[in-house]
Amino acid sequence: MARKPIIIGVAGGSGSGKTTVAKEIYRQFSDQSILIIEQDSYYKDQSEKTMEERLKTNYDHPLAFDNDLLIEQINRLLEYKTIEKPVYDYTVHTRSDKIIPVEPKDVIILEGILILEDERLRNLMDIKVFVDTDADVRIIRRMVRDIRDRGRTLESVIDQYISVVRPMHNQFIEPTKRYADIIIPEGGQNRVAIDLMVTKIRTILEEKAILGKMR
């Protein structure tokens, strides 16, 4: 059996700390062959739509993502083939003309709010993680991020959270927690859980290396 990369899925609601967890795992293995794939890169191309139609897109709904392309590219990485990762341009609410070449690695961290929602994606993962953080903490983090980094007003962040983010979280994101192998409360602040994750990944890598030598 040929050597195959391991895939770690890191899911959780907006502002849960999943990106922090993914980056911390990446940092711990920075001397290894590792990469992060963000589900946010795979929002569907909306170039056929008018700007008015694009502004109505619900980015917290499973149908906002081009999972077919994501799965196709993950499968290419599993075969140790280079992919051309899409770039999403939030200023015009559609996919950019740019692409990012991504070389295959031995460890792939797949991070995003809804990566555990699609059974096809779950079936590709060796470890499934859900970062579980209280709603009040998530909304505060989202406010800080959107006001500081995305030029949003406090009122617009609150309106979007109440009308879209919260109901979509309850309907689509929270239920995927049941698919997780590991649930990490409070995200990047949970050093014990992250250390356990890192230990488990090291064990899997060592086992794969040993098995690879035996074949």
C-alpha atoms as a PDB file:
ATOM      1  CA  MET A   1       0.000   0.000   0.000  1.00  0.00           C
ATOM      2  CA  ALA A   2       1.391   3.382  -1.050  1.00  0.00           C
ATOM      3  CA  ARG A   3       2.228   6.072   1.461  1.00  0.00           C
ATOM      4  CA  LYS A   4      -0.629   8.546   1.932  1.00  0.00           C
ATOM      5  CA  PRO A   5      -0.760  11.966   3.643  1.00  0.00           C
ATOM      6  CA  ILE A   6      -2.805  12.259   6.826  1.00  0.00           C
ATOM      7  CA  ILE A   7      -5.688  14.730   6.901  1.00  0.00           C
ATOM      8  CA  ILE A   8      -6.780  16.564  10.038  1.00  0.00           C
ATOM      9  CA  GLY A   9     -10.127  18.336   9.850  1.00  0.00           C
ATOM     10  CA  VAL A  10     -10.577  21.332  12.181  1.00  0.00           C
ATOM     11  CA  ALA A  11     -14.163  22.632  12.330  1.00  0.00           C
ATOM     12  CA  GLY A  12     -16.091  25.019  14.583  1.00  0.00           C
ATOM     13  CA  GLY A  13     -18.244  28.117  14.472  1.00  0.00           C
ATOM     14  CA  SER A  14     -17.132  31.565  13.373  1.00  0.00           C
ATOM     15  CA  GLY A  15     -14.929  33.002  16.126  1.00  0.00           C
ATOM     16  CA  SER A  16     -14.506  29.639  17.865  1.00  0.00           C
ATOM     17  CA  GLY A  17     -10.726  29.663  17.583  1.00  0.00           C
ATOM     18  CA  LYS A  18     -10.458  26.912  14.959  1.00  0.00           C
ATOM     19  CA  THR A  19      -7.989  28.934  12.874  1.00  0.00           C
ATOM     20  CA  THR A  20      -5.828  29.446  15.986  1.00  0.00           C
ATOM     21  CA  VAL A  21      -5.906  25.699  16.675  1.00  0.00           C
ATOM     22  CA  ALA A  22      -4.993  24.894  13.055  1.00  0.00           C
ATOM     23  CA  LYS A  23      -2.101  27.392  13.101  1.00  0.00           C
ATOM     24  CA  GLU A  24      -0.828  26.061  16.426  1.00  0.00           C
ATOM     25  CA  ILE A  25      -0.792  22.491  15.106  1.00  0.00           C
ATOM     26  CA  TYR A  26       1.011  23.797  12.015  1.00  0.00           C
ATOM     27  CA  ARG A  27       3.558  25.604  14.214  1.00  0.00           C
ATOM     28  CA  GLN A  28       4.252  22.450  16.213  1.00  0.00           C
ATOM     29  CA  PHE A  29       5.084  20.609  12.973  1.00  0.00           C
ATOM     30  CA  SER A  30       6.798  23.482  11.163  1.00  0.00           C
ATOM     31  CA  ASP A  31       9.883  21.295  10.720  1.00  0.00           C
ATOM     32  CA  GLN A  32       7.735  18.639   9.029  1.00  0.00           C
ATOM     33  CA  SER A  33       5.965  18.381   5.680  1.00  0.00           C
ATOM     34  CA  ILE A  34       2.677  20.148   6.502  1.00  0.00           C
ATOM     35  CA  LEU A  35       0.137  22.543   4.950  1.00  0.00           C
ATOM     36  CA  ILE A  36      -3.197  24.202   5.777  1.00  0.00           C
ATOM     37  CA  ILE A  37      -6.150  24.291   3.379  1.00  0.00           C
ATOM     38  CA  GLU A  38      -8.882  26.782   4.319  1.00  0.00           C
ATOM     39  CA  GLN A  39     -12.438  25.953   3.293  1.00  0.00           C
ATOM     40  CA  ASP A  40     -12.978  29.733   2.855  1.00  0.00           C
ATOM     41  CA  SER A  41     -10.859  29.537  -0.319  1.00  0.00           C
ATOM     42  CA  TYR A  42     -13.528  27.331  -1.868  1.00  0.00           C
ATOM     43  CA  TYR A  43     -16.534  29.631  -1.835  1.00  0.00           C
ATOM     44  CA  LYS A  44     -18.371  29.190  -5.136  1.00  0.00           C
ATOM     45  CA  ASP A  45     -17.517  31.384  -8.093  1.00  0.00           C
ATOM     46  CA  GLN A  46     -20.217  34.055  -8.439  1.00  0.00           C
ATOM     47  CA  SER A  47     -18.953  35.878 -11.521  1.00  0.00           C
ATOM     48  CA  GLU A  48     -22.191  35.097 -13.382  1.00  0.00           C
ATOM     49  CA  LYS A  49     -24.210  36.962 -10.741  1.00  0.00           C
ATOM     50  CA  THR A  50     -24.810  40.689 -10.397  1.00  0.00           C
ATOM     51  CA  MET A  51     -23.234  42.494  -7.432  1.00  0.00           C
ATOM     52  CA  GLU A  52     -26.699  42.822  -5.887  1.00  0.00           C
ATOM     53  CA  GLU A  53     -27.168  39.038  -6.090  1.00  0.00           C
ATOM     54  CA  ARG A  54     -23.679  38.399  -4.694  1.00  0.00           C
ATOM     55  CA  LEU A  55     -24.374  40.585  -1.658  1.00  0.00           C
ATOM     56  CA  LYS A  56     -27.267  38.304  -0.751  1.00  0.00           C
ATOM     57  CA  THR A  57     -25.040  35.204  -0.543  1.00  0.00           C
ATOM     58  CA  ASN A  58     -25.305  33.327   2.743  1.00  0.00           C
ATOM     59  CA  TYR A  59     -21.668  32.442   3.449  1.00  0.00           C
ATOM     60  CA  ASP A  60     -22.623  30.292   6.447  1.00  0.00           C
ATOM     61  CA  HIS A  61     -24.737  27.851   4.406  1.00  0.00           C
ATOM     62  CA  PRO A  62     -23.269  24.582   3.050  1.00  0.00           C
ATOM     63  CA  LEU A  63     -24.366  25.500  -0.494  1.00  0.00           C
ATOM     64  CA  ALA A  64     -22.014  28.522  -0.473  1.00  0.00           C
ATOM     65  CA  PHE A  65     -19.025  26.193  -0.828  1.00  0.00           C
ATOM     66  CA  ASP A  66     -17.672  24.428  -3.908  1.00  0.00           C
ATOM     67  CA  ASN A  67     -17.061  21.146  -2.097  1.00  0.00           C
ATOM     68  CA  ASP A  68     -16.764  19.245  -5.383  1.00  0.00           C
ATOM     69  CA  LEU A  69     -13.634  21.229  -6.248  1.00  0.00           C
ATOM     70  CA  LEU A  70     -12.307  20.989  -2.680  1.00  0.00           C
ATOM     71  CA  ILE A  71     -12.710  17.192  -2.649  1.00  0.00           C
ATOM     72  CA  GLU A  72     -11.152  16.877  -6.093  1.00  0.00           C
ATOM     73  CA  GLN A  73      -8.117  18.892  -4.986  1.00  0.00           C
ATOM     74  CA  ILE A  74      -7.768  17.045  -1.664  1.00  0.00           C
ATOM     75  CA  ASN A  75      -7.733  13.777  -3.606  1.00  0.00           C
ATOM     76  CA  ARG A  76      -4.969  15.152  -5.819  1.00  0.00           C
ATOM     77  CA  LEU A  77      -2.927  16.074  -2.734  1.00  0.00           C
ATOM     78  CA  LEU A  78      -3.491  12.550  -1.407  1.00  0.00           C
ATOM     79  CA  GLU A  79      -1.851  11.313  -4.608  1.00  0.00           C
ATOM     80  CA  TYR A  80       1.060  13.721  -3.974  1.00  0.00           C
ATOM     81  CA  LYS A  81       0.082  15.950  -6.899  1.00  0.00           C
ATOM     82  CA  THR A  82       0.233  19.765  -6.935  1.00  0.00           C
ATOM     83  CA  ILE A  83      -3.061  21.686  -6.930  1.00  0.00           C
ATOM     84  CA  GLU A  84      -4.094  25.196  -7.966  1.00  0.00           C
ATOM     85  CA  LYS A  85      -5.986  26.521  -4.938  1.00  0.00           C
ATOM     86  CA  PRO A  86      -8.580  29.190  -5.780  1.00  0.00           C
ATOM     87  CA  VAL A  87      -8.495  32.658  -4.234  1.00  0.00           C
ATOM     88  CA  TYR A  88     -11.742  34.279  -3.098  1.00  0.00           C
ATOM     89  CA  ASP A  89     -11.957  38.069  -3.358  1.00  0.00           C
ATOM     90  CA  TYR A  90     -14.220  39.378  -0.578  1.00  0.00           C
ATOM     91  CA  THR A  91     -14.193  42.904  -1.998  1.00  0.00           C
ATOM     92  CA  VAL A  92     -16.142  41.805  -5.102  1.00  0.00           C
ATOM     93  CA  HIS A  93     -17.776  38.699  -3.543  1.00  0.00           C
ATOM     94  CA  THR A  94     -16.556  36.201  -6.098  1.00  0.00           C
ATOM     95  CA  ARG A  95     -13.544  34.098  -6.997  1.00  0.00           C
ATOM     96  CA  SER A  96     -10.436  35.965  -8.097  1.00  0.00           C
ATOM     97  CA  ASP A  97      -8.555  35.271 -11.332  1.00  0.00           C
ATOM     98  CA  LYS A  98      -5.558  34.398  -9.172  1.00  0.00           C
ATOM     99  CA  ILE A  99      -4.657  30.874  -8.070  1.00  0.00           C
ATOM    100  CA  ILE A 100      -2.138  29.621  -5.517  1.00  0.00           C
ATOM    101  CA  PRO A 101      -0.061  26.558  -6.456  1.00  0.00           C
ATOM    102  CA  VAL A 102       0.037  24.190  -3.455  1.00  0.00           C
ATOM    103  CA  GLU A 103       2.616  21.410  -3.245  1.00  0.00           C
ATOM    104  CA  PRO A 104       1.571  18.113  -1.608  1.00  0.00           C
ATOM    105  CA  LYS A 105       2.691  17.450   1.982  1.00  0.00           C
ATOM    106  CA  ASP A 106       2.604  14.569   4.464  1.00  0.00           C
ATOM    107  CA  VAL A 107       0.174  16.338   6.809  1.00  0.00           C
ATOM    108  CA  ILE A 108      -2.832  18.323   5.554  1.00  0.00           C
ATOM    109  CA  ILE A 109      -4.869  20.468   7.950  1.00  0.00           C
ATOM    110  CA  LEU A 110      -8.302  21.201   6.499  1.00  0.00           C
ATOM    111  CA  GLU A 111      -9.922  24.098   8.371  1.00  0.00           C
ATOM    112  CA  GLY A 112     -13.384  25.616   8.063  1.00  0.00           C
ATOM    113  CA  ILE A 113     -16.812  26.094   9.609  1.00  0.00           C
ATOM    114  CA  LEU A 114     -18.516  23.322   7.642  1.00  0.00           C
ATOM    115  CA  ILE A 115     -15.838  20.771   6.772  1.00  0.00           C
ATOM    116  CA  LEU A 116     -17.557  18.100   8.880  1.00  0.00           C
ATOM    117  CA  GLU A 117     -20.954  18.707   7.240  1.00  0.00           C
ATOM    118  CA  ASP A 118     -20.122  16.859   4.001  1.00  0.00           C
ATOM    119  CA  GLU A 119     -19.782  13.091   4.429  1.00  0.00           C
ATOM    120  CA  ARG A 120     -17.425  12.886   1.449  1.00  0.00           C
ATOM    121  CA  LEU A 121     -15.002  15.258   3.188  1.00  0.00           C
ATOM    122  CA  ARG A 122     -15.324  13.448   6.528  1.00  0.00           C
ATOM    123  CA  ASN A 123     -14.422  10.180   4.843  1.00  0.00           C
ATOM    124  CA  LEU A 124     -11.099  11.666   3.708  1.00  0.00           C
ATOM    125  CA  MET A 125     -10.047  12.678   7.244  1.00  0.00           C
ATOM    126  CA  ASP A 126      -7.854  10.704   9.635  1.00  0.00           C
ATOM    127  CA  ILE A 127      -8.722  12.938  12.602  1.00  0.00           C
ATOM    128  CA  LYS A 128     -11.836  15.109  12.935  1.00  0.00           C
ATOM    129  CA  VAL A 129     -11.687  18.000  15.410  1.00  0.00           C
ATOM    130  CA  PHE A 130     -14.460  20.362  16.524  1.00  0.00           C
ATOM    131  CA  VAL A 131     -13.482  23.552  18.351  1.00  0.00           C
ATOM    132  CA  ASP A 132     -16.343  24.261  20.761  1.00  0.00           C
ATOM    133  CA  THR A 133     -16.539  27.785  22.169  1.00  0.00           C
ATOM    134  CA  ASP A 134     -19.418  29.573  23.925  1.00  0.00           C
ATOM    135  CA  ALA A 135     -21.601  31.759  21.705  1.00  0.00           C
ATOM    136  CA  ASP A 136     -20.896  34.966  23.651  1.00  0.00           C
ATOM    137  CA  VAL A 137     -17.141  34.528  23.177  1.00  0.00           C
ATOM    138  CA  ARG A 138     -17.581  33.775  19.467  1.00  0.00           C
ATOM    139  CA  ILE A 139     -19.678  36.893  18.791  1.00  0.00           C
ATOM    140  CA  ILE A 140     -17.198  39.139  20.654  1.00  0.00           C
ATOM    141  CA  ARG A 141     -14.281  37.697  18.663  1.00  0.00           C
ATOM    142  CA  ARG A 142     -16.230  38.150  15.430  1.00  0.00           C
ATOM    143  CA  MET A 143     -17.036  41.771  16.297  1.00  0.00           C
ATOM    144  CA  VAL A 144     -13.393  42.582  16.998  1.00  0.00           C
ATOM    145  CA  ARG A 145     -12.205  40.870  13.800  1.00  0.00           C
ATOM    146  CA  ASP A 146     -14.825  42.337  11.434  1.00  0.00           C
ATOM    147  CA  ILE A 147     -14.549  45.886  12.790  1.00  0.00           C
ATOM    148  CA  ARG A 148     -10.749  45.843  12.925  1.00  0.00           C
ATOM    149  CA  ASP A 149      -9.895  43.842   9.792  1.00  0.00           C
ATOM    150  CA  ARG A 150     -12.899  44.187   7.484  1.00  0.00           C
ATOM    151  CA  GLY A 151     -14.058  47.752   8.055  1.00  0.00           C
ATOM    152  CA  ARG A 152     -17.491  46.725   9.329  1.00  0.00           C
ATOM    153  CA  THR A 153     -19.676  48.718  11.719  1.00  0.00           C
ATOM    154  CA  LEU A 154     -20.798  47.307  15.059  1.00  0.00           C
ATOM    155  CA  GLU A 155     -24.438  47.471  13.925  1.00  0.00           C
ATOM    156  CA  SER A 156     -23.773  45.520  10.722  1.00  0.00           C
ATOM    157  CA  VAL A 157     -21.870  42.783  12.577  1.00  0.00           C
ATOM    158  CA  ILE A 158     -24.676  42.384  15.121  1.00  0.00           C
ATOM    159  CA  ASP A 159     -27.353  42.369  12.405  1.00  0.00           C
ATOM    160  CA  GLN A 160     -25.515  39.728  10.370  1.00  0.00           C
ATOM    161  CA  TYR A 161     -24.916  37.600  13.461  1.00  0.00           C
ATOM    162  CA  ILE A 162     -28.573  37.610  14.514  1.00  0.00           C
ATOM    163  CA  SER A 163     -30.074  37.199  11.028  1.00  0.00           C
ATOM    164  CA  VAL A 164     -27.598  34.744   9.449  1.00  0.00           C
ATOM    165  CA  VAL A 165     -24.610  33.558  11.503  1.00  0.00           C
ATOM    166  CA  ARG A 166     -26.444  32.375  14.620  1.00  0.00           C
ATOM    167  CA  PRO A 167     -29.292  30.488  12.864  1.00  0.00           C
ATOM    168  CA  MET A 168     -26.864  28.867  10.397  1.00  0.00           C
ATOM    169  CA  HIS A 169     -24.566  27.847  13.262  1.00  0.00           C
ATOM    170  CA  ASN A 170     -27.441  26.188  15.095  1.00  0.00           C
ATOM    171  CA  GLN A 171     -28.795  24.508  11.967  1.00  0.00           C
ATOM    172  CA  PHE A 172     -25.639  23.352  10.192  1.00  0.00           C
ATOM    173  CA  ILE A 173     -22.431  23.804  12.221  1.00  0.00           C
ATOM    174  CA  GLU A 174     -23.311  22.766  15.775  1.00  0.00           C
ATOM    175  CA  PRO A 175     -24.837  19.418  14.659  1.00  0.00           C
ATOM    176  CA  THR A 176     -21.520  18.385  13.015  1.00  0.00           C
ATOM    177  CA  LYS A 177     -19.940  18.194  16.477  1.00  0.00           C
ATOM    178  CA  ARG A 178     -21.231  14.627  16.709  1.00  0.00           C
ATOM    179  CA  TYR A 179     -18.871  13.580  13.914  1.00  0.00           C
ATOM    180  CA  ALA A 180     -15.751  14.811  15.725  1.00  0.00           C
ATOM    181  CA  ASP A 181     -13.160  12.435  17.167  1.00  0.00           C
ATOM    182  CA  ILE A 182     -11.927  15.217  19.435  1.00  0.00           C
ATOM    183  CA  ILE A 183     -13.787  18.246  20.820  1.00  0.00           C
ATOM    184  CA  ILE A 184     -11.571  21.132  21.943  1.00  0.00           C
ATOM    185  CA  PRO A 185     -13.314  23.599  24.290  1.00  0.00           C
ATOM    186  CA  GLU A 186     -12.215  27.259  24.055  1.00  0.00           C
ATOM    187  CA  GLY A 187      -9.999  26.811  21.005  1.00  0.00           C
ATOM    188  CA  GLY A 188      -6.410  28.022  21.033  1.00  0.00           C
ATOM    189  CA  GLN A 189      -6.500  28.675  24.784  1.00  0.00           C
ATOM    190  CA  ASN A 190      -6.761  24.930  25.489  1.00  0.00           C
ATOM    191  CA  ARG A 191      -3.105  23.935  25.660  1.00  0.00           C
ATOM    192  CA  VAL A 192      -3.785  20.443  27.033  1.00  0.00           C
ATOM    193  CA  ALA A 193      -6.113  19.501  24.155  1.00  0.00           C
ATOM    194  CA  ILE A 194      -3.716  20.880  21.535  1.00  0.00           C
ATOM    195  CA  ASP A 195      -0.792  18.994  23.087  1.00  0.00           C
ATOM    196  CA  LEU A 196      -2.834  15.779  22.989  1.00  0.00           C
ATOM    197  CA  MET A 197      -3.636  16.437  19.325  1.00  0.00           C
ATOM    198  CA  VAL A 198       0.019  16.982  18.508  1.00  0.00           C
ATOM    199  CA  THR A 199       1.003  13.764  20.302  1.00  0.00           C
ATOM    200  CA  LYS A 200      -1.625  11.797  18.368  1.00  0.00           C
ATOM    201  CA  ILE A 201      -0.469  13.230  15.033  1.00  0.00           C
ATOM    202  CA  ARG A 202       3.156  12.363  15.837  1.00  0.00           C
ATOM    203  CA  THR A 203       2.092   8.797  16.650  1.00  0.00           C
ATOM    204  CA  ILE A 204       0.256   8.447  13.328  1.00  0.00           C
ATOM    205  CA  LEU A 205       3.232   9.855  11.407  1.00  0.00           C
ATOM    206  CA  GLU A 206       5.617   7.464  13.168  1.00  0.00           C
ATOM    207  CA  GLU A 207       3.337   4.503  12.481  1.00  0.00           C
ATOM    208  CA  LYS A 208       3.086   5.435   8.808  1.00  0.00           C
ATOM    209  CA  ALA A 209       6.866   5.806   8.577  1.00  0.00           C
ATOM    210  CA  ILE A 210       7.403   2.383  10.191  1.00  0.00           C
ATOM    211  CA  LEU A 211       4.782   0.727   7.979  1.00  0.00           C
ATOM    212  CA  GLY A 212       6.295   2.398   4.933  1.00  0.00           C
ATOM    213  CA  LYS A 213       9.705   0.898   5.738  1.00  0.00           C
ATOM    214  CA  MET A 214       8.203  -2.568   6.274  1.00  0.00           C
ATOM    215  CA  ARG A 215       6.611  -2.662   2.810  1.00  0.00           C
END
